Amino acid sequence: MSTDRDTQKNVITKDRAKTDKPRLFKVLFHNDDYTTQEFVVDALTRFFNLDRTAATRVMLLVHRTGSGVAGVYSREVAETKVRQTTEYARSHGHPLLVTMEPE
């Protein structure tokens, strides 16, 4: 007659592989001489859910330094935000460059 203790000795367990956290990507806005500051603030509030004050801060950083981080996201979300923002800019006649890079 076997007991619970006997059957527990024969249980095989697998170690679970540790999963790494997904890589995050920064979405960057780049300065140009044609896209208006107001349009950049609009895009930041529209696609990155920044309030007007935070969007203005990012826009000024882009203007002063040449680029600025709009947000940090998973690859899929970052790709979507880059595409949406770029399409929106083109549809309004702006050459705004928005890119992503690993954090």
PDB file of N, CA and C in Angstrom:
ATOM      1  N   MET A   1       0.846  -1.179   0.000  1.00  0.00           N
ATOM      2  CA  MET A   1       0.000   0.000   0.000  1.00  0.00           C
ATOM      3  C   MET A   1       0.890   1.240   0.000  1.00  0.00           C
ATOM      4  N   SER A   2       0.631   2.179  -0.921  1.00  0.00           N
ATOM      5  CA  SER A   2       1.469   3.373  -0.975  1.00  0.00           C
ATOM      6  C   SER A   2       0.764   4.524  -0.286  1.00  0.00           C
ATOM      7  N   THR A   3       1.572   5.364   0.260  1.00  0.00           N
ATOM      8  CA  THR A   3       1.032   6.538   0.949  1.00  0.00           C
ATOM      9  C   THR A   3       1.318   7.764   0.105  1.00  0.00           C
ATOM     10  N   ASP A   4       0.741   8.891   0.506  1.00  0.00           N
ATOM     11  CA  ASP A   4       1.005  10.144  -0.198  1.00  0.00           C
ATOM     12  C   ASP A   4       2.496  10.460  -0.188  1.00  0.00           C
ATOM     13  N   ARG A   5       3.129  10.110   0.910  1.00  0.00           N
ATOM     14  CA  ARG A   5       4.560  10.389   1.021  1.00  0.00           C
ATOM     15  C   ARG A   5       5.344   9.611  -0.030  1.00  0.00           C
ATOM     16  N   ASP A   6       4.970   8.365  -0.293  1.00  0.00           N
ATOM     17  CA  ASP A   6       5.659   7.550  -1.290  1.00  0.00           C
ATOM     18  C   ASP A   6       5.465   8.118  -2.698  1.00  0.00           C
ATOM     19  N   THR A   7       4.265   8.564  -3.014  1.00  0.00           N
ATOM     20  CA  THR A   7       4.017   9.078  -4.354  1.00  0.00           C
ATOM     21  C   THR A   7       4.691  10.424  -4.550  1.00  0.00           C
ATOM     22  N   GLN A   8       4.846  11.188  -3.516  1.00  0.00           N
ATOM     23  CA  GLN A   8       5.499  12.484  -3.649  1.00  0.00           C
ATOM     24  C   GLN A   8       6.980  12.325  -3.991  1.00  0.00           C
ATOM     25  N   LYS A   9       7.582  11.252  -3.570  1.00  0.00           N
ATOM     26  CA  LYS A   9       8.994  11.016  -3.879  1.00  0.00           C
ATOM     27  C   LYS A   9       9.204  10.813  -5.374  1.00  0.00           C
ATOM     28  N   ASN A  10       8.202  10.342  -6.086  1.00  0.00           N
ATOM     29  CA  ASN A  10       8.324  10.039  -7.494  1.00  0.00           C
ATOM     30  C   ASN A  10       7.849  11.173  -8.405  1.00  0.00           C
ATOM     31  N   VAL A  11       7.515  12.291  -7.822  1.00  0.00           N
ATOM     32  CA  VAL A  11       7.048  13.418  -8.621  1.00  0.00           C
ATOM     33  C   VAL A  11       8.253  14.104  -9.262  1.00  0.00           C
ATOM     34  N   ILE A  12       8.153  14.337 -10.558  1.00  0.00           N
ATOM     35  CA  ILE A  12       9.224  15.018 -11.282  1.00  0.00           C
ATOM     36  C   ILE A  12       8.816  16.475 -11.445  1.00  0.00           C
ATOM     37  N   THR A  13       9.713  17.337 -11.082  1.00  0.00           N
ATOM     38  CA  THR A  13       9.420  18.768 -11.241  1.00  0.00           C
ATOM     39  C   THR A  13      10.371  19.353 -12.269  1.00  0.00           C
ATOM     40  N   LYS A  14       9.865  20.331 -12.978  1.00  0.00           N
ATOM     41  CA  LYS A  14      10.696  21.031 -13.948  1.00  0.00           C
ATOM     42  C   LYS A  14      10.982  22.421 -13.405  1.00  0.00           C
ATOM     43  N   ASP A  15      12.222  22.823 -13.564  1.00  0.00           N
ATOM     44  CA  ASP A  15      12.550  24.198 -13.226  1.00  0.00           C
ATOM     45  C   ASP A  15      12.070  25.070 -14.366  1.00  0.00           C
ATOM     46  N   ARG A  16      11.388  26.138 -14.025  1.00  0.00           N
ATOM     47  CA  ARG A  16      10.924  27.062 -15.054  1.00  0.00           C
ATOM     48  C   ARG A  16      12.057  28.000 -15.424  1.00  0.00           C
ATOM     49  N   ALA A  17      12.191  28.211 -16.693  1.00  0.00           N
ATOM     50  CA  ALA A  17      13.195  29.151 -17.160  1.00  0.00           C
ATOM     51  C   ALA A  17      12.761  30.554 -16.773  1.00  0.00           C
ATOM     52  N   LYS A  18      13.700  31.321 -16.302  1.00  0.00           N
ATOM     53  CA  LYS A  18      13.379  32.713 -15.969  1.00  0.00           C
ATOM     54  C   LYS A  18      13.146  33.469 -17.262  1.00  0.00           C
ATOM     55  N   THR A  19      12.074  34.226 -17.275  1.00  0.00           N
ATOM     56  CA  THR A  19      11.819  35.042 -18.454  1.00  0.00           C
ATOM     57  C   THR A  19      12.350  36.437 -18.201  1.00  0.00           C
ATOM     58  N   ASP A  20      13.028  36.939 -19.193  1.00  0.00           N
ATOM     59  CA  ASP A  20      13.552  38.292 -19.084  1.00  0.00           C
ATOM     60  C   ASP A  20      12.427  39.278 -19.307  1.00  0.00           C
ATOM     61  N   LYS A  21      12.570  40.447 -18.704  1.00  0.00           N
ATOM     62  CA  LYS A  21      11.605  41.502 -18.958  1.00  0.00           C
ATOM     63  C   LYS A  21      11.742  41.906 -20.421  1.00  0.00           C
ATOM     64  N   PRO A  22      10.619  42.220 -21.060  1.00  0.00           N
ATOM     65  CA  PRO A  22      10.729  42.627 -22.464  1.00  0.00           C
ATOM     66  C   PRO A  22      11.549  43.901 -22.597  1.00  0.00           C
ATOM     67  N   ARG A  23      12.280  43.982 -23.670  1.00  0.00           N
ATOM     68  CA  ARG A  23      13.108  45.157 -23.935  1.00  0.00           C
ATOM     69  C   ARG A  23      12.208  46.366 -24.180  1.00  0.00           C
ATOM     70  N   LEU A  24      12.597  47.496 -23.637  1.00  0.00           N
ATOM     71  CA  LEU A  24      11.827  48.716 -23.818  1.00  0.00           C
ATOM     72  C   LEU A  24      12.518  49.628 -24.829  1.00  0.00           C
ATOM     73  N   PHE A  25      11.697  50.444 -25.475  1.00  0.00           N
ATOM     74  CA  PHE A  25      12.198  51.338 -26.518  1.00  0.00           C
ATOM     75  C   PHE A  25      11.761  52.770 -26.248  1.00  0.00           C
ATOM     76  N   LYS A  26      12.694  53.691 -26.453  1.00  0.00           N
ATOM     77  CA  LYS A  26      12.404  55.121 -26.333  1.00  0.00           C
ATOM     78  C   LYS A  26      11.865  55.610 -27.665  1.00  0.00           C
ATOM     79  N   VAL A  27      10.808  56.412 -27.608  1.00  0.00           N
ATOM     80  CA  VAL A  27      10.302  57.066 -28.811  1.00  0.00           C
ATOM     81  C   VAL A  27      10.846  58.487 -28.788  1.00  0.00           C
ATOM     82  N   LEU A  28      11.574  58.839 -29.844  1.00  0.00           N
ATOM     83  CA  LEU A  28      12.258  60.128 -29.911  1.00  0.00           C
ATOM     84  C   LEU A  28      11.649  61.037 -30.969  1.00  0.00           C
ATOM     85  N   PHE A  29      11.476  62.290 -30.611  1.00  0.00           N
ATOM     86  CA  PHE A  29      11.104  63.337 -31.556  1.00  0.00           C
ATOM     87  C   PHE A  29      12.388  64.059 -31.932  1.00  0.00           C
ATOM     88  N   HIS A  30      12.533  64.405 -33.211  1.00  0.00           N
ATOM     89  CA  HIS A  30      13.740  65.084 -33.688  1.00  0.00           C
ATOM     90  C   HIS A  30      13.373  66.471 -34.209  1.00  0.00           C
ATOM     91  N   ASN A  31      14.241  67.407 -33.939  1.00  0.00           N
ATOM     92  CA  ASN A  31      14.008  68.789 -34.355  1.00  0.00           C
ATOM     93  C   ASN A  31      14.169  68.943 -35.865  1.00  0.00           C
ATOM     94  N   ASP A  32      13.356  69.827 -36.432  1.00  0.00           N
ATOM     95  CA  ASP A  32      13.539  70.229 -37.826  1.00  0.00           C
ATOM     96  C   ASP A  32      13.153  71.702 -37.920  1.00  0.00           C
ATOM     97  N   ASP A  33      13.411  72.296 -39.056  1.00  0.00           N
ATOM     98  CA  ASP A  33      13.161  73.729 -39.224  1.00  0.00           C
ATOM     99  C   ASP A  33      11.764  74.047 -39.749  1.00  0.00           C
ATOM    100  N   TYR A  34      10.909  73.037 -39.904  1.00  0.00           N
ATOM    101  CA  TYR A  34       9.621  73.266 -40.542  1.00  0.00           C
ATOM    102  C   TYR A  34       8.410  72.933 -39.673  1.00  0.00           C
ATOM    103  N   THR A  35       8.508  71.904 -38.856  1.00  0.00           N
ATOM    104  CA  THR A  35       7.381  71.518 -38.009  1.00  0.00           C
ATOM    105  C   THR A  35       7.216  72.544 -36.900  1.00  0.00           C
ATOM    106  N   THR A  36       6.003  73.036 -36.735  1.00  0.00           N
ATOM    107  CA  THR A  36       5.773  74.069 -35.723  1.00  0.00           C
ATOM    108  C   THR A  36       5.814  73.472 -34.317  1.00  0.00           C
ATOM    109  N   GLN A  37       6.184  74.310 -33.382  1.00  0.00           N
ATOM    110  CA  GLN A  37       6.217  73.876 -31.987  1.00  0.00           C
ATOM    111  C   GLN A  37       4.823  73.486 -31.519  1.00  0.00           C
ATOM    112  N   GLU A  38       3.819  74.221 -31.961  1.00  0.00           N
ATOM    113  CA  GLU A  38       2.444  73.922 -31.565  1.00  0.00           C
ATOM    114  C   GLU A  38       2.018  72.546 -32.078  1.00  0.00           C
ATOM    115  N   PHE A  39       2.445  72.198 -33.291  1.00  0.00           N
ATOM    116  CA  PHE A  39       2.108  70.881 -33.832  1.00  0.00           C
ATOM    117  C   PHE A  39       2.769  69.780 -33.010  1.00  0.00           C
ATOM    118  N   VAL A  40       4.007  69.974 -32.613  1.00  0.00           N
ATOM    119  CA  VAL A  40       4.713  68.985 -31.790  1.00  0.00           C
ATOM    120  C   VAL A  40       3.989  68.787 -30.466  1.00  0.00           C
ATOM    121  N   VAL A  41       3.579  69.873 -29.833  1.00  0.00           N
ATOM    122  CA  VAL A  41       2.826  69.774 -28.568  1.00  0.00           C
ATOM    123  C   VAL A  41       1.523  69.012 -28.811  1.00  0.00           C
ATOM    124  N   ASP A  42       0.836  69.320 -29.915  1.00  0.00           N
ATOM    125  CA  ASP A  42      -0.410  68.620 -30.244  1.00  0.00           C
ATOM    126  C   ASP A  42      -0.164  67.121 -30.402  1.00  0.00           C
ATOM    127  N   ALA A  43       0.878  66.729 -31.134  1.00  0.00           N
ATOM    128  CA  ALA A  43       1.180  65.312 -31.343  1.00  0.00           C
ATOM    129  C   ALA A  43       1.524  64.616 -30.028  1.00  0.00           C
ATOM    130  N   LEU A  44       2.265  65.301 -29.171  1.00  0.00           N
ATOM    131  CA  LEU A  44       2.636  64.706 -27.876  1.00  0.00           C
ATOM    132  C   LEU A  44       1.419  64.502 -26.981  1.00  0.00           C
ATOM    133  N   THR A  45       0.491  65.430 -27.015  1.00  0.00           N
ATOM    134  CA  THR A  45      -0.717  65.262 -26.187  1.00  0.00           C
ATOM    135  C   THR A  45      -1.646  64.224 -26.808  1.00  0.00           C
ATOM    136  N   ARG A  46      -1.720  64.192 -28.116  1.00  0.00           N
ATOM    137  CA  ARG A  46      -2.632  63.291 -28.832  1.00  0.00           C
ATOM    138  C   ARG A  46      -2.194  61.828 -28.754  1.00  0.00           C
ATOM    139  N   PHE A  47      -0.916  61.548 -29.009  1.00  0.00           N
ATOM    140  CA  PHE A  47      -0.455  60.164 -29.123  1.00  0.00           C
ATOM    141  C   PHE A  47       0.321  59.645 -27.917  1.00  0.00           C
ATOM    142  N   PHE A  48       0.774  60.553 -27.049  1.00  0.00           N
ATOM    143  CA  PHE A  48       1.599  60.121 -25.919  1.00  0.00           C
ATOM    144  C   PHE A  48       0.953  60.441 -24.574  1.00  0.00           C
ATOM    145  N   ASN A  49      -0.278  60.915 -24.627  1.00  0.00           N
ATOM    146  CA  ASN A  49      -1.070  61.184 -23.421  1.00  0.00           C
ATOM    147  C   ASN A  49      -0.365  62.099 -22.430  1.00  0.00           C
ATOM    148  N   LEU A  50       0.431  63.027 -22.932  1.00  0.00           N
ATOM    149  CA  LEU A  50       1.074  64.007 -22.062  1.00  0.00           C
ATOM    150  C   LEU A  50       0.132  65.194 -21.891  1.00  0.00           C
ATOM    151  N   ASP A  51       0.143  65.781 -20.699  1.00  0.00           N
ATOM    152  CA  ASP A  51      -0.626  67.018 -20.554  1.00  0.00           C
ATOM    153  C   ASP A  51       0.142  68.131 -21.257  1.00  0.00           C
ATOM    154  N   ARG A  52      -0.492  69.247 -21.417  1.00  0.00           N
ATOM    155  CA  ARG A  52       0.099  70.339 -22.198  1.00  0.00           C
ATOM    156  C   ARG A  52       1.444  70.800 -21.620  1.00  0.00           C
ATOM    157  N   THR A  53       1.556  70.850 -20.300  1.00  0.00           N
ATOM    158  CA  THR A  53       2.801  71.293 -19.661  1.00  0.00           C
ATOM    159  C   THR A  53       3.941  70.318 -19.955  1.00  0.00           C
ATOM    160  N   ALA A  54       3.679  69.021 -19.796  1.00  0.00           N
ATOM    161  CA  ALA A  54       4.714  68.014 -20.059  1.00  0.00           C
ATOM    162  C   ALA A  54       5.075  67.993 -21.545  1.00  0.00           C
ATOM    163  N   ALA A  55       4.071  68.126 -22.408  1.00  0.00           N
ATOM    164  CA  ALA A  55       4.322  68.143 -23.855  1.00  0.00           C
ATOM    165  C   ALA A  55       5.176  69.353 -24.239  1.00  0.00           C
ATOM    166  N   THR A  56       4.903  70.479 -23.622  1.00  0.00           N
ATOM    167  CA  THR A  56       5.688  71.691 -23.902  1.00  0.00           C
ATOM    168  C   THR A  56       7.131  71.503 -23.455  1.00  0.00           C
ATOM    169  N   ARG A  57       7.337  70.852 -22.316  1.00  0.00           N
ATOM    170  CA  ARG A  57       8.692  70.575 -21.842  1.00  0.00           C
ATOM    171  C   ARG A  57       9.465  69.710 -22.834  1.00  0.00           C
ATOM    172  N   VAL A  58       8.823  68.646 -23.330  1.00  0.00           N
ATOM    173  CA  VAL A  58       9.472  67.768 -24.302  1.00  0.00           C
ATOM    174  C   VAL A  58       9.766  68.545 -25.586  1.00  0.00           C
ATOM    175  N   MET A  59       8.797  69.335 -26.038  1.00  0.00           N
ATOM    176  CA  MET A  59       8.982  70.117 -27.264  1.00  0.00           C
ATOM    177  C   MET A  59      10.164  71.068 -27.127  1.00  0.00           C
ATOM    178  N   LEU A  60      10.285  71.730 -25.990  1.00  0.00           N
ATOM    179  CA  LEU A  60      11.406  72.659 -25.784  1.00  0.00           C
ATOM    180  C   LEU A  60      12.740  71.918 -25.740  1.00  0.00           C
ATOM    181  N   LEU A  61      12.751  70.736 -25.159  1.00  0.00           N
ATOM    182  CA  LEU A  61      13.963  69.911 -25.145  1.00  0.00           C
ATOM    183  C   LEU A  61      14.366  69.546 -26.575  1.00  0.00           C
ATOM    184  N   VAL A  62      13.391  69.150 -27.376  1.00  0.00           N
ATOM    185  CA  VAL A  62      13.653  68.824 -28.780  1.00  0.00           C
ATOM    186  C   VAL A  62      14.202  70.046 -29.500  1.00  0.00           C
ATOM    187  N   HIS A  63      13.586  71.180 -29.270  1.00  0.00           N
ATOM    188  CA  HIS A  63      13.995  72.422 -29.925  1.00  0.00           C
ATOM    189  C   HIS A  63      15.418  72.825 -29.542  1.00  0.00           C
ATOM    190  N   ARG A  64      15.759  72.688 -28.258  1.00  0.00           N
ATOM    191  CA  ARG A  64      17.077  73.130 -27.763  1.00  0.00           C
ATOM    192  C   ARG A  64      18.199  72.143 -28.040  1.00  0.00           C
ATOM    193  N   THR A  65      17.904  70.846 -27.946  1.00  0.00           N
ATOM    194  CA  THR A  65      18.982  69.850 -28.021  1.00  0.00           C
ATOM    195  C   THR A  65      18.966  69.015 -29.300  1.00  0.00           C
ATOM    196  N   GLY A  66      17.899  69.117 -30.065  1.00  0.00           N
ATOM    197  CA  GLY A  66      17.831  68.355 -31.308  1.00  0.00           C
ATOM    198  C   GLY A  66      16.953  67.124 -31.249  1.00  0.00           C
ATOM    199  N   SER A  67      16.729  66.591 -30.043  1.00  0.00           N
ATOM    200  CA  SER A  67      15.824  65.447 -29.895  1.00  0.00           C
ATOM    201  C   SER A  67      15.361  65.354 -28.451  1.00  0.00           C
ATOM    202  N   GLY A  68      14.294  64.610 -28.259  1.00  0.00           N
ATOM    203  CA  GLY A  68      13.764  64.422 -26.911  1.00  0.00           C
ATOM    204  C   GLY A  68      12.901  63.175 -26.855  1.00  0.00           C
ATOM    205  N   VAL A  69      12.845  62.562 -25.684  1.00  0.00           N
ATOM    206  CA  VAL A  69      12.093  61.327 -25.485  1.00  0.00           C
ATOM    207  C   VAL A  69      10.638  61.658 -25.174  1.00  0.00           C
ATOM    208  N   ALA A  70       9.742  61.100 -25.991  1.00  0.00           N
ATOM    209  CA  ALA A  70       8.309  61.285 -25.783  1.00  0.00           C
ATOM    210  C   ALA A  70       7.764  60.241 -24.813  1.00  0.00           C
ATOM    211  N   GLY A  71       8.408  59.085 -24.754  1.00  0.00           N
ATOM    212  CA  GLY A  71       7.960  58.022 -23.854  1.00  0.00           C
ATOM    213  C   GLY A  71       8.787  56.771 -24.068  1.00  0.00           C
ATOM    214  N   VAL A  72       8.596  55.799 -23.172  1.00  0.00           N
ATOM    215  CA  VAL A  72       9.301  54.523 -23.234  1.00  0.00           C
ATOM    216  C   VAL A  72       8.245  53.419 -23.201  1.00  0.00           C
ATOM    217  N   TYR A  73       8.334  52.503 -24.181  1.00  0.00           N
ATOM    218  CA  TYR A  73       7.287  51.508 -24.364  1.00  0.00           C
ATOM    219  C   TYR A  73       7.877  50.177 -24.822  1.00  0.00           C
ATOM    220  N   SER A  74       7.019  49.156 -24.832  1.00  0.00           N
ATOM    221  CA  SER A  74       7.404  47.884 -25.441  1.00  0.00           C
ATOM    222  C   SER A  74       7.603  48.126 -26.937  1.00  0.00           C
ATOM    223  N   ARG A  75       8.247  47.200 -27.606  1.00  0.00           N
ATOM    224  CA  ARG A  75       8.543  47.361 -29.032  1.00  0.00           C
ATOM    225  C   ARG A  75       7.268  47.627 -29.840  1.00  0.00           C
ATOM    226  N   GLU A  76       6.244  46.844 -29.621  1.00  0.00           N
ATOM    227  CA  GLU A  76       5.028  46.964 -30.423  1.00  0.00           C
ATOM    228  C   GLU A  76       4.349  48.311 -30.209  1.00  0.00           C
ATOM    229  N   VAL A  77       4.277  48.748 -28.978  1.00  0.00           N
ATOM    230  CA  VAL A  77       3.637  50.032 -28.690  1.00  0.00           C
ATOM    231  C   VAL A  77       4.464  51.169 -29.270  1.00  0.00           C
ATOM    232  N   ALA A  78       5.779  51.098 -29.118  1.00  0.00           N
ATOM    233  CA  ALA A  78       6.660  52.142 -29.667  1.00  0.00           C
ATOM    234  C   ALA A  78       6.516  52.216 -31.184  1.00  0.00           C
ATOM    235  N   GLU A  79       6.499  51.064 -31.853  1.00  0.00           N
ATOM    236  CA  GLU A  79       6.348  51.051 -33.312  1.00  0.00           C
ATOM    237  C   GLU A  79       5.027  51.697 -33.729  1.00  0.00           C
ATOM    238  N   THR A  80       3.974  51.387 -32.998  1.00  0.00           N
ATOM    239  CA  THR A  80       2.655  51.947 -33.303  1.00  0.00           C
ATOM    240  C   THR A  80       2.650  53.452 -33.122  1.00  0.00           C
ATOM    241  N   LYS A  81       3.235  53.929 -32.034  1.00  0.00           N
ATOM    242  CA  LYS A  81       3.257  55.372 -31.775  1.00  0.00           C
ATOM    243  C   LYS A  81       4.093  56.116 -32.820  1.00  0.00           C
ATOM    244  N   VAL A  82       5.213  55.540 -33.227  1.00  0.00           N
ATOM    245  CA  VAL A  82       6.043  56.149 -34.272  1.00  0.00           C
ATOM    246  C   VAL A  82       5.234  56.240 -35.569  1.00  0.00           C
ATOM    247  N   ARG A  83       4.574  55.143 -35.941  1.00  0.00           N
ATOM    248  CA  ARG A  83       3.801  55.115 -37.186  1.00  0.00           C
ATOM    249  C   ARG A  83       2.643  56.107 -37.141  1.00  0.00           C
ATOM    250  N   GLN A  84       1.876  56.096 -36.049  1.00  0.00           N
ATOM    251  CA  GLN A  84       0.730  56.999 -35.935  1.00  0.00           C
ATOM    252  C   GLN A  84       1.157  58.463 -35.995  1.00  0.00           C
ATOM    253  N   THR A  85       2.208  58.796 -35.261  1.00  0.00           N
ATOM    254  CA  THR A  85       2.671  60.182 -35.215  1.00  0.00           C
ATOM    255  C   THR A  85       3.201  60.622 -36.576  1.00  0.00           C
ATOM    256  N   THR A  86       3.958  59.756 -37.226  1.00  0.00           N
ATOM    257  CA  THR A  86       4.509  60.079 -38.542  1.00  0.00           C
ATOM    258  C   THR A  86       3.388  60.270 -39.564  1.00  0.00           C
ATOM    259  N   GLU A  87       2.410  59.381 -39.565  1.00  0.00           N
ATOM    260  CA  GLU A  87       1.271  59.511 -40.494  1.00  0.00           C
ATOM    261  C   GLU A  87       0.494  60.798 -40.237  1.00  0.00           C
ATOM    262  N   TYR A  88       0.304  61.109 -38.973  1.00  0.00           N
ATOM    263  CA  TYR A  88      -0.419  62.333 -38.597  1.00  0.00           C
ATOM    264  C   TYR A  88       0.354  63.564 -39.082  1.00  0.00           C
ATOM    265  N   ALA A  89       1.664  63.563 -38.880  1.00  0.00           N
ATOM    266  CA  ALA A  89       2.491  64.693 -39.312  1.00  0.00           C
ATOM    267  C   ALA A  89       2.441  64.853 -40.835  1.00  0.00           C
ATOM    268  N   ARG A  90       2.592  63.751 -41.556  1.00  0.00           N
ATOM    269  CA  ARG A  90       2.569  63.826 -43.027  1.00  0.00           C
ATOM    270  C   ARG A  90       1.217  64.321 -43.526  1.00  0.00           C
ATOM    271  N   SER A  91       0.138  63.860 -42.885  1.00  0.00           N
ATOM    272  CA  SER A  91      -1.198  64.266 -43.333  1.00  0.00           C
ATOM    273  C   SER A  91      -1.450  65.752 -43.090  1.00  0.00           C
ATOM    274  N   HIS A  92      -0.628  66.367 -42.221  1.00  0.00           N
ATOM    275  CA  HIS A  92      -0.731  67.802 -41.952  1.00  0.00           C
ATOM    276  C   HIS A  92       0.417  68.587 -42.589  1.00  0.00           C
ATOM    277  N   GLY A  93       1.175  67.924 -43.467  1.00  0.00           N
ATOM    278  CA  GLY A  93       2.232  68.598 -44.211  1.00  0.00           C
ATOM    279  C   GLY A  93       3.500  68.889 -43.432  1.00  0.00           C
ATOM    280  N   HIS A  94       3.752  68.136 -42.357  1.00  0.00           N
ATOM    281  CA  HIS A  94       4.949  68.356 -41.542  1.00  0.00           C
ATOM    282  C   HIS A  94       5.954  67.214 -41.753  1.00  0.00           C
ATOM    283  N   PRO A  95       7.243  67.537 -41.834  1.00  0.00           N
ATOM    284  CA  PRO A  95       8.272  66.512 -42.021  1.00  0.00           C
ATOM    285  C   PRO A  95       8.789  65.945 -40.690  1.00  0.00           C
ATOM    286  N   LEU A  96       8.038  66.076 -39.621  1.00  0.00           N
ATOM    287  CA  LEU A  96       8.466  65.640 -38.285  1.00  0.00           C
ATOM    288  C   LEU A  96       9.043  64.231 -38.333  1.00  0.00           C
ATOM    289  N   LEU A  97      10.242  64.074 -37.763  1.00  0.00           N
ATOM    290  CA  LEU A  97      10.887  62.772 -37.680  1.00  0.00           C
ATOM    291  C   LEU A  97      10.702  62.229 -36.278  1.00  0.00           C
ATOM    292  N   VAL A  98      10.113  61.032 -36.187  1.00  0.00           N
ATOM    293  CA  VAL A  98       9.911  60.347 -34.933  1.00  0.00           C
ATOM    294  C   VAL A  98      10.535  58.961 -35.091  1.00  0.00           C
ATOM    295  N   THR A  99      11.428  58.603 -34.186  1.00  0.00           N
ATOM    296  CA  THR A  99      12.123  57.309 -34.269  1.00  0.00           C
ATOM    297  C   THR A  99      12.029  56.604 -32.925  1.00  0.00           C
ATOM    298  N   MET A 100      12.533  55.372 -32.918  1.00  0.00           N
ATOM    299  CA  MET A 100      12.611  54.626 -31.660  1.00  0.00           C
ATOM    300  C   MET A 100      13.971  53.981 -31.558  1.00  0.00           C
ATOM    301  N   GLU A 101      14.415  53.787 -30.322  1.00  0.00           N
ATOM    302  CA  GLU A 101      15.687  53.110 -30.087  1.00  0.00           C
ATOM    303  C   GLU A 101      15.610  52.383 -28.761  1.00  0.00           C
ATOM    304  N   PRO A 102      16.377  51.302 -28.614  1.00  0.00           N
ATOM    305  CA  PRO A 102      16.352  50.549 -27.360  1.00  0.00           C
ATOM    306  C   PRO A 102      16.771  51.431 -26.189  1.00  0.00           C
ATOM    307  N   GLU A 103      16.142  51.185 -25.066  1.00  0.00           N
ATOM    308  CA  GLU A 103      16.483  51.947 -23.864  1.00  0.00           C
ATOM    309  C   GLU A 103      17.797  51.454 -23.284  1.00  0.00           C
TER     310      GLU A 103
END
